[in-house]
Amino acid sequence: MEGQRSSSFGLNDINTSDVTVCLRNSKGRPELFYLHSSILKENSKFFADKLSDPNCGASIDIHCLDCNYEHHVDLLRRLYFSKESLLESWNSVHSALGVLQVASEFNCRQITDSCIQYLEAVPWEDKEEELILKVVSKLGPEAMPILARVQPVDVSGTKNVFLSAIRFATSVVSPSPPFGDELRTSAQEQVEYMLGDDDEEIPLVIADEEVKSESKKGLANICSLFDKELSCLLSQTYEEATEKRVMQSLLDLGWICNILSKMDLMKEFVDQWIDFSNRVIGVMEDKVLKSSMWGLKLKIVELTGKVLDAVGYGNVIIPSARRVELVKTWLPYIRKMKPVLDSIGNEETGYPFKMDEDLCQNIEGAIVALLSALPSNDQAEILADWMNGEQVKYPDLSEAFEIWCYRTKSAKRRLVEGLDRVGKATVSL
């Protein structure tokens, strides 16, 4: 038999066999296997103990389940393999894992070691990994080497992987063919996955100054590329490839916006976006793009909505002058863009670039919250422009207007009361 020991006998060699093993399945049906006591004693402590029992005789009964019956048969066959041929004989994770469980039960040291060595070295599929984790955890310390690849890494290892992924995900140099941008997209997905994990080491990693610095560099890289691609929109005749590149760089900006918000670095993105705002709007409102690139324009509104949300609800703290700049820059653009997109959507069935209800409500709520926290004179100027505009319907700032009116009256009342108290104090003197 191929792979067996270089001996004059093997499994089921009836002429030389001195021991029978009777395997019984769950239905009690027996199957006899003819073996040799010398082989059993050498390779299995379980069989050695059985054969040393004077009451055992030359027959051993083993009960097994239907699900692992074949693994029992496989174990008996492999008892005759040499150490070298045993390791080469495995051909699947399923069979090695099944035999491992039986070998551990029967204390077959050589077969157990061979299974462990094989399972530790070969790749696993997802379903196989789940089964391995379940099985190996019950086998004790000797099987733990199998799980080396899925053990948690230390903070230093996690940090190094995270840094490498950030650098790759924010690289402005396209990877070499044939992979294209797929590798960068994969790196972005893995960074998101790591930040979404509940691993207790991740907060330590993202608090590291080197990680923060690398993330800020990544933001600068993506912004630089976005600025470069914007210039291309106006400096050459329209090409679909140009629009795709701009959209991709805008998607990268959206990605890093989400990443930085999870790393408590959203202020870095907000500052960059405010600095970019006039340039972005200038390009989008240029006559060359006046009636095109609606998908790009919608994506810009969506990204601006995230910035307004972060500032409006106090997640990012910036000076009032910057908050005023943010509102004054983007409020007019959003007010003009929404009716345009709505109008096209009403004319074209299935038009994909309308501002949906959730986006509209989120932007409106953020602007109201942001506006209500500005100095009263800035509020008055913005509200006056809003009421004088042609498109008063969106966003609805009536709540902010009511708050401003109430505060203004209260402020006047407090001023009058304060003057009265000062006057009375002067007379009493």
Protein backbone atom coordinates (compact mmCIF):
# COMPACT_ATOMS: atom_id res chain seq x y z
CA MET A 1 0.00 0.00 0.00
CA GLU A 2 1.39 3.43 -1.01
CA GLY A 3 2.61 5.54 1.89
CA GLN A 4 2.72 2.67 4.39
CA ARG A 5 5.71 1.67 6.47
CA SER A 6 8.35 -0.47 4.82
CA SER A 7 7.16 -3.59 6.61
CA SER A 8 5.90 -6.94 5.48
CA PHE A 9 2.32 -6.27 6.54
CA GLY A 10 -0.36 -3.57 6.49
CA LEU A 11 -3.95 -2.81 7.38
CA ASN A 12 -6.37 -5.70 6.81
CA ASP A 13 -3.57 -8.17 6.22
CA ILE A 14 -5.55 -11.10 7.60
CA ASN A 15 -2.69 -13.57 7.35
CA THR A 16 -0.44 -11.62 9.74
CA SER A 17 -3.01 -9.70 11.80
CA ASP A 18 -3.26 -10.48 15.51
CA VAL A 19 -5.86 -7.83 16.50
CA THR A 20 -9.30 -6.91 15.17
CA VAL A 21 -10.88 -3.48 15.63
CA CYS A 22 -14.66 -3.39 15.32
CA LEU A 23 -16.05 0.02 14.36
CA ARG A 24 -19.73 0.43 15.19
CA ASN A 25 -21.72 3.33 13.76
CA SER A 26 -24.71 5.05 15.39
CA LYS A 27 -26.96 2.21 14.21
CA GLY A 28 -24.73 -0.40 15.78
CA ARG A 29 -23.61 -1.90 12.50
CA PRO A 30 -20.10 -3.35 12.89
CA GLU A 31 -17.21 -3.38 10.43
CA LEU A 32 -14.08 -5.39 11.22
CA PHE A 33 -10.56 -4.14 10.55
CA TYR A 34 -7.53 -6.42 10.89
CA LEU A 35 -4.48 -4.79 12.48
CA HIS A 36 -1.27 -5.62 14.27
CA SER A 37 -0.70 -5.14 17.98
CA SER A 38 2.86 -3.92 17.45
CA ILE A 39 1.62 -1.06 15.24
CA LEU A 40 -1.22 -0.16 17.60
CA LYS A 41 1.02 -0.12 20.70
CA GLU A 42 3.70 1.96 18.97
CA ASN A 43 1.35 4.65 17.62
CA SER A 44 -1.53 4.93 20.08
CA LYS A 45 -1.49 5.08 23.86
CA PHE A 46 -5.22 4.34 23.81
CA PHE A 47 -4.71 1.04 21.97
CA ALA A 48 -1.58 0.24 24.00
CA ASP A 49 -3.57 0.54 27.23
CA LYS A 50 -6.39 -1.55 25.80
CA LEU A 51 -4.08 -4.33 24.67
CA SER A 52 -2.30 -4.40 28.02
CA ASP A 53 -5.62 -5.18 29.70
CA PRO A 54 -5.84 -8.97 30.15
CA ASN A 55 -9.63 -8.77 29.80
CA CYS A 56 -9.46 -7.15 26.36
CA GLY A 57 -8.32 -10.08 24.30
CA ALA A 58 -7.56 -9.65 20.62
CA SER A 59 -10.70 -7.66 19.73
CA ILE A 60 -11.42 -3.97 20.41
CA ASP A 61 -14.86 -2.38 19.95
CA ILE A 62 -15.07 1.32 19.08
CA HIS A 63 -18.34 3.23 18.81
CA CYS A 64 -18.40 6.23 16.47
CA LEU A 65 -20.89 8.52 14.81
CA ASP A 66 -21.87 8.47 11.17
CA CYS A 67 -20.33 11.94 10.74
CA ASN A 68 -16.86 10.79 11.82
CA TYR A 69 -16.92 7.15 10.79
CA GLU A 70 -14.70 7.73 7.76
CA HIS A 71 -12.23 9.65 9.94
CA HIS A 72 -11.90 6.60 12.21
CA VAL A 73 -11.21 4.43 9.16
CA ASP A 74 -8.70 6.98 7.89
CA LEU A 75 -6.92 6.97 11.26
CA LEU A 76 -6.57 3.17 11.27
CA ARG A 77 -5.13 3.30 7.77
CA ARG A 78 -2.63 6.04 8.66
CA LEU A 79 -1.31 4.12 11.65
CA TYR A 80 0.76 2.20 9.08
CA PHE A 81 2.27 5.33 7.44
CA SER A 82 5.83 6.38 8.07
CA LYS A 83 6.41 9.83 9.58
CA GLU A 84 7.61 11.29 6.27
CA SER A 85 4.83 9.89 4.10
CA LEU A 86 2.20 10.80 6.70
CA LEU A 87 2.73 14.55 6.28
CA GLU A 88 2.64 14.28 2.51
CA SER A 89 -0.58 12.26 2.54
CA TRP A 90 -2.98 15.03 3.63
CA ASN A 91 -5.02 16.55 0.81
CA SER A 92 -7.75 18.60 2.50
CA VAL A 93 -8.44 20.65 5.61
CA HIS A 94 -11.64 18.70 6.21
CA SER A 95 -9.98 15.28 6.37
CA ALA A 96 -7.00 16.47 8.43
CA LEU A 97 -9.27 18.20 10.93
CA GLY A 98 -11.51 15.15 11.22
CA VAL A 99 -8.61 12.76 11.76
CA LEU A 100 -7.05 15.21 14.24
CA GLN A 101 -10.08 14.94 16.51
CA VAL A 102 -9.97 11.13 16.44
CA ALA A 103 -6.17 11.04 16.83
CA SER A 104 -6.38 13.27 19.90
CA GLU A 105 -9.02 10.99 21.39
CA PHE A 106 -6.91 7.88 20.80
CA ASN A 107 -3.67 9.63 21.79
CA CYS A 108 -1.91 9.02 18.49
CA ARG A 109 1.03 11.38 18.92
CA GLN A 110 2.60 11.08 15.46
CA ILE A 111 -0.67 11.49 13.56
CA THR A 112 -1.73 14.37 15.81
CA ASP A 113 1.55 16.20 15.17
CA SER A 114 1.22 15.61 11.44
CA CYS A 115 -2.35 17.00 11.37
CA ILE A 116 -1.29 20.07 13.34
CA GLN A 117 1.68 20.73 11.09
CA TYR A 118 -0.50 20.44 7.97
CA LEU A 119 -3.37 22.59 9.26
CA GLU A 120 -0.98 25.25 10.51
CA ALA A 121 0.63 25.58 7.08
CA VAL A 122 -2.18 25.43 4.50
CA PRO A 123 -4.69 28.20 3.62
CA TRP A 124 -8.25 27.98 4.99
CA GLU A 125 -11.54 29.05 3.53
CA ASP A 126 -13.93 31.08 5.71
CA LYS A 127 -16.18 28.12 6.55
CA GLU A 128 -13.16 25.94 7.31
CA GLU A 129 -11.76 28.60 9.62
CA GLU A 130 -14.98 28.72 11.64
CA LEU A 131 -14.86 24.93 12.07
CA ILE A 132 -11.16 24.96 12.96
CA LEU A 133 -11.71 27.58 15.66
CA LYS A 134 -14.54 25.51 17.09
CA VAL A 135 -12.67 22.20 17.04
CA VAL A 136 -9.18 23.28 18.05
CA SER A 137 -10.40 25.18 21.11
CA LYS A 138 -11.51 21.81 22.55
CA LEU A 139 -8.23 19.97 21.90
CA GLY A 140 -6.01 21.68 24.43
CA PRO A 141 -2.64 23.46 24.25
CA GLU A 142 -1.02 20.98 21.87
CA ALA A 143 -3.29 22.13 18.99
CA MET A 144 -2.84 25.86 19.62
CA PRO A 145 -0.12 26.31 16.96
CA ILE A 146 -2.91 25.89 14.38
CA LEU A 147 -4.45 29.16 15.59
CA ALA A 148 -1.25 31.21 15.39
CA ARG A 149 -2.47 33.06 12.29
CA VAL A 150 -5.69 34.23 13.97
CA GLN A 151 -4.21 35.29 17.30
CA PRO A 152 -4.49 39.00 18.22
CA VAL A 153 -1.38 41.02 17.44
CA ASP A 154 0.13 43.52 19.83
CA VAL A 155 -0.42 47.27 19.57
CA SER A 156 2.84 47.76 17.69
CA GLY A 157 1.89 45.23 15.03
CA THR A 158 -1.59 46.69 14.64
CA LYS A 159 -0.14 50.18 14.33
CA ASN A 160 2.31 49.14 11.61
CA VAL A 161 -0.45 47.51 9.55
CA PHE A 162 -2.71 50.53 10.00
CA LEU A 163 0.02 52.95 8.95
CA SER A 164 0.82 50.92 5.85
CA ALA A 165 -2.85 50.73 4.90
CA ILE A 166 -3.33 54.49 5.38
CA ARG A 167 -0.28 55.27 3.24
CA PHE A 168 -1.44 52.96 0.47
CA ALA A 169 -5.07 54.11 0.64
CA THR A 170 -4.11 57.79 0.35
CA SER A 171 -1.36 57.41 -2.22
CA VAL A 172 -1.75 59.72 -5.21
CA VAL A 173 0.39 57.41 -7.37
CA SER A 174 -1.70 54.83 -9.19
CA PRO A 175 -0.60 51.22 -8.58
CA SER A 176 0.98 49.38 -11.45
CA PRO A 177 -1.20 47.33 -13.82
CA PRO A 178 -2.98 44.96 -13.82
CA PHE A 179 -4.44 45.96 -10.46
CA GLY A 180 -5.11 49.65 -11.17
CA ASP A 181 -6.97 51.33 -8.33
CA GLU A 182 -8.34 48.07 -6.95
CA LEU A 183 -5.52 47.73 -4.42
CA ARG A 184 -6.08 51.26 -3.11
CA THR A 185 -9.80 50.61 -2.83
CA SER A 186 -9.08 47.41 -0.93
CA ALA A 187 -6.76 49.27 1.44
CA GLN A 188 -9.49 51.85 2.08
CA GLU A 189 -11.98 49.10 2.87
CA GLN A 190 -9.57 47.47 5.31
CA VAL A 191 -8.89 50.76 7.11
CA GLU A 192 -12.65 51.22 7.52
CA TYR A 193 -12.97 47.66 8.74
CA MET A 194 -10.22 48.13 11.34
CA LEU A 195 -11.82 51.32 12.64
CA GLY A 196 -15.20 49.62 12.82
CA ASP A 197 -13.80 46.71 14.83
CA ASP A 198 -14.33 46.56 18.59
CA ASP A 199 -10.70 45.57 19.12
CA GLU A 200 -9.56 47.28 22.31
CA GLU A 201 -6.19 48.10 20.70
CA ILE A 202 -7.62 50.29 17.93
CA PRO A 203 -8.26 53.32 20.22
CA LEU A 204 -4.60 53.11 21.28
CA VAL A 205 -3.49 52.99 17.66
CA ILE A 206 -5.51 55.98 16.45
CA ALA A 207 -4.38 58.01 19.47
CA ASP A 208 -0.76 57.55 18.41
CA GLU A 209 0.85 60.76 17.14
CA GLU A 210 2.55 59.04 14.20
CA VAL A 211 -0.79 57.60 13.07
CA LYS A 212 -2.45 61.01 13.37
CA SER A 213 0.38 62.64 11.42
CA GLU A 214 0.18 60.03 8.65
CA SER A 215 -3.60 60.46 8.43
CA LYS A 216 -3.21 64.22 8.03
CA LYS A 217 -0.62 63.66 5.28
CA GLY A 218 -3.10 61.34 3.60
CA LEU A 219 -5.74 64.06 3.68
CA ALA A 220 -3.28 66.53 2.16
CA ASN A 221 -2.44 64.04 -0.62
CA ILE A 222 -6.07 63.47 -1.53
CA CYS A 223 -6.88 67.19 -1.42
CA SER A 224 -3.90 67.94 -3.65
CA LEU A 225 -5.07 65.37 -6.18
CA PHE A 226 -8.63 66.70 -6.05
CA ASP A 227 -7.38 70.24 -6.69
CA LYS A 228 -5.32 69.01 -9.64
CA GLU A 229 -8.25 67.11 -11.16
CA LEU A 230 -10.55 70.13 -10.72
CA SER A 231 -8.16 72.20 -12.81
CA CYS A 232 -8.39 69.63 -15.58
CA LEU A 233 -12.15 70.15 -15.86
CA LEU A 234 -11.69 73.70 -17.11
CA SER A 235 -8.35 73.43 -18.89
CA GLN A 236 -9.34 70.93 -21.58
CA THR A 237 -12.26 69.83 -23.65
CA TYR A 238 -14.75 67.57 -21.90
CA GLU A 239 -13.70 63.94 -21.59
CA GLU A 240 -15.57 61.25 -19.72
CA ALA A 241 -12.28 59.99 -18.30
CA THR A 242 -11.62 63.41 -16.76
CA GLU A 243 -14.98 63.42 -15.00
CA LYS A 244 -14.33 59.91 -13.70
CA ARG A 245 -11.00 60.96 -12.23
CA VAL A 246 -12.56 63.96 -10.50
CA MET A 247 -15.39 61.80 -9.17
CA GLN A 248 -12.90 59.22 -7.89
CA SER A 249 -10.87 61.87 -6.07
CA LEU A 250 -14.11 63.22 -4.61
CA LEU A 251 -15.05 59.71 -3.46
CA ASP A 252 -11.61 59.46 -1.85
CA LEU A 253 -12.34 62.71 -0.02
CA GLY A 254 -15.63 61.25 1.19
CA TRP A 255 -13.80 58.16 2.38
CA ILE A 256 -11.17 60.03 4.35
CA CYS A 257 -13.88 62.29 5.78
CA ASN A 258 -15.48 59.19 7.32
CA ILE A 259 -12.10 57.90 8.51
CA LEU A 260 -11.07 61.16 10.16
CA SER A 261 -14.43 61.46 11.90
CA LYS A 262 -13.77 58.08 13.56
CA MET A 263 -10.27 59.19 14.56
CA ASP A 264 -11.39 62.49 16.15
CA LEU A 265 -9.59 64.36 13.36
CA MET A 266 -12.65 65.73 11.60
CA LYS A 267 -11.50 69.29 12.30
CA GLU A 268 -8.63 68.71 9.86
CA PHE A 269 -11.10 67.85 7.12
CA VAL A 270 -13.44 70.74 7.96
CA ASP A 271 -10.59 73.26 7.74
CA GLN A 272 -9.45 71.85 4.39
CA TRP A 273 -12.98 71.87 3.00
CA ILE A 274 -13.64 75.47 4.05
CA ASP A 275 -10.36 76.52 2.43
CA PHE A 276 -11.36 74.67 -0.74
CA SER A 277 -14.95 75.91 -0.83
CA ASN A 278 -14.68 79.01 -3.03
CA ARG A 279 -12.48 77.21 -5.54
CA VAL A 280 -14.83 74.22 -5.74
CA ILE A 281 -17.90 76.40 -6.20
CA GLY A 282 -16.07 78.55 -8.73
CA VAL A 283 -15.32 75.52 -10.89
CA MET A 284 -18.81 74.03 -10.52
CA GLU A 285 -20.48 77.32 -11.50
CA ASP A 286 -18.17 77.99 -14.45
CA LYS A 287 -20.00 78.35 -17.74
CA VAL A 288 -18.19 75.27 -19.07
CA LEU A 289 -19.91 73.08 -16.45
CA LYS A 290 -23.11 75.02 -16.04
CA SER A 291 -25.34 72.32 -17.51
CA SER A 292 -23.36 69.14 -16.84
CA MET A 293 -21.76 66.90 -14.23
CA TRP A 294 -24.84 66.74 -12.01
CA GLY A 295 -23.58 63.61 -10.26
CA LEU A 296 -20.38 65.41 -9.31
CA LYS A 297 -22.31 68.43 -8.06
CA LEU A 298 -24.62 66.25 -5.96
CA LYS A 299 -21.65 64.46 -4.40
CA ILE A 300 -20.15 67.84 -3.48
CA VAL A 301 -23.41 68.82 -1.75
CA GLU A 302 -23.41 65.51 0.15
CA LEU A 303 -19.84 66.03 1.33
CA THR A 304 -20.64 69.60 2.34
CA GLY A 305 -23.58 68.23 4.32
CA LYS A 306 -21.15 66.17 6.42
CA VAL A 307 -19.08 69.27 7.14
CA LEU A 308 -22.17 71.31 8.07
CA ASP A 309 -23.32 68.50 10.34
CA ALA A 310 -19.97 68.26 12.13
CA VAL A 311 -19.78 72.01 12.73
CA GLY A 312 -23.48 72.67 13.32
CA TYR A 313 -23.84 70.13 16.12
CA GLY A 314 -20.59 71.00 17.84
CA ASN A 315 -18.59 67.90 16.95
CA VAL A 316 -15.97 70.18 15.43
CA ILE A 317 -15.21 73.46 17.19
CA ILE A 318 -13.94 76.29 14.99
CA PRO A 319 -13.96 80.10 15.48
CA SER A 320 -17.17 82.00 14.68
CA ALA A 321 -15.52 83.73 11.71
CA ARG A 322 -14.87 80.35 10.09
CA ARG A 323 -18.43 79.21 10.83
CA VAL A 324 -19.80 82.37 9.22
CA GLU A 325 -17.56 81.76 6.20
CA LEU A 326 -18.85 78.19 5.91
CA VAL A 327 -22.52 79.23 5.95
CA LYS A 328 -22.13 82.24 3.67
CA THR A 329 -20.18 80.19 1.13
CA TRP A 330 -22.36 77.10 0.89
CA LEU A 331 -25.89 78.26 1.73
CA PRO A 332 -26.35 80.18 -1.56
CA TYR A 333 -24.91 77.30 -3.60
CA ILE A 334 -27.14 74.67 -1.98
CA ARG A 335 -30.19 76.92 -2.40
CA LYS A 336 -29.48 77.22 -6.12
CA MET A 337 -28.53 73.61 -6.68
CA LYS A 338 -31.58 71.93 -5.12
CA PRO A 339 -34.26 73.45 -7.40
CA VAL A 340 -32.07 72.79 -10.45
CA LEU A 341 -31.68 69.11 -9.58
CA ASP A 342 -35.38 68.86 -8.69
CA SER A 343 -36.37 70.44 -12.00
CA ILE A 344 -34.28 68.00 -14.05
CA GLY A 345 -35.60 65.12 -11.96
CA ASN A 346 -39.19 66.16 -12.67
CA GLU A 347 -38.51 66.12 -16.39
CA GLU A 348 -36.47 62.90 -16.58
CA THR A 349 -37.86 59.61 -15.30
CA GLY A 350 -35.44 57.77 -13.05
CA TYR A 351 -33.10 60.75 -12.71
CA PRO A 352 -30.52 59.63 -10.09
CA PHE A 353 -29.12 62.98 -8.97
CA LYS A 354 -31.90 64.53 -6.89
CA MET A 355 -31.24 65.51 -3.29
CA ASP A 356 -33.21 62.89 -1.36
CA GLU A 357 -35.36 63.74 1.63
CA ASP A 358 -32.87 62.53 4.26
CA LEU A 359 -30.05 64.60 2.76
CA CYS A 360 -32.27 67.69 2.62
CA GLN A 361 -33.41 67.31 6.21
CA ASN A 362 -29.89 66.68 7.50
CA ILE A 363 -28.50 69.76 5.74
CA GLU A 364 -31.41 71.94 6.85
CA GLY A 365 -31.10 70.82 10.48
CA ALA A 366 -27.32 71.36 10.48
CA ILE A 367 -27.62 74.86 9.02
CA VAL A 368 -30.30 75.84 11.55
CA ALA A 369 -28.14 74.58 14.42
CA LEU A 370 -25.01 76.23 13.01
CA LEU A 371 -26.77 79.53 12.31
CA SER A 372 -28.32 79.72 15.78
CA ALA A 373 -24.84 79.54 17.35
CA LEU A 374 -23.43 82.51 15.38
CA PRO A 375 -23.14 86.06 16.72
CA SER A 376 -26.52 87.82 16.40
CA ASN A 377 -25.36 90.37 13.80
CA ASP A 378 -24.05 87.58 11.54
CA GLN A 379 -27.33 85.74 12.00
CA ALA A 380 -29.25 88.86 11.02
CA GLU A 381 -27.22 89.31 7.82
CA ILE A 382 -27.62 85.68 6.75
CA LEU A 383 -31.33 85.58 7.58
CA ALA A 384 -31.96 88.81 5.67
CA ASP A 385 -30.24 87.37 2.59
CA TRP A 386 -32.28 84.20 2.98
CA MET A 387 -35.62 86.04 3.12
CA ASN A 388 -34.70 88.29 0.19
CA GLY A 389 -33.78 85.37 -2.01
CA GLU A 390 -35.98 83.87 -4.69
CA GLN A 391 -35.81 80.37 -3.22
CA VAL A 392 -37.04 80.80 0.33
CA LYS A 393 -38.49 77.27 0.41
CA TYR A 394 -35.20 75.48 0.97
CA PRO A 395 -33.62 75.33 3.35
CA ASP A 396 -36.35 76.39 5.78
CA LEU A 397 -34.59 78.69 8.26
CA SER A 398 -37.78 79.91 9.95
CA GLU A 399 -36.80 78.12 13.18
CA ALA A 400 -33.48 79.95 13.24
CA PHE A 401 -35.33 83.21 12.49
CA GLU A 402 -37.72 82.65 15.41
CA ILE A 403 -34.79 81.94 17.74
CA TRP A 404 -33.05 85.11 16.55
CA CYS A 405 -36.19 87.22 17.11
CA TYR A 406 -36.71 85.84 20.60
CA ARG A 407 -33.09 86.40 21.57
CA THR A 408 -33.11 89.91 20.12
CA LYS A 409 -36.16 90.91 22.14
CA SER A 410 -34.71 89.33 25.24
CA ALA A 411 -31.43 91.13 24.70
CA LYS A 412 -33.22 94.49 24.34
CA ARG A 413 -35.27 93.81 27.46
CA ARG A 414 -32.13 92.94 29.44
CA LEU A 415 -30.46 96.10 28.14
CA VAL A 416 -33.38 98.31 29.22
CA GLU A 417 -33.56 96.64 32.61
CA GLY A 418 -29.83 97.09 33.02
CA LEU A 419 -30.04 100.80 32.17
CA ASP A 420 -32.91 101.26 34.63
CA ARG A 421 -30.85 99.68 37.40
CA VAL A 422 -27.89 101.90 36.58
CA GLY A 423 -30.15 105.01 36.62
CA LYS A 424 -31.69 104.17 39.95
CA ALA A 425 -28.29 103.51 41.45
CA THR A 426 -27.08 106.90 40.24
CA VAL A 427 -30.10 108.75 41.76
CA SER A 428 -29.65 107.02 45.13
CA LEU A 429 -26.11 108.27 45.31
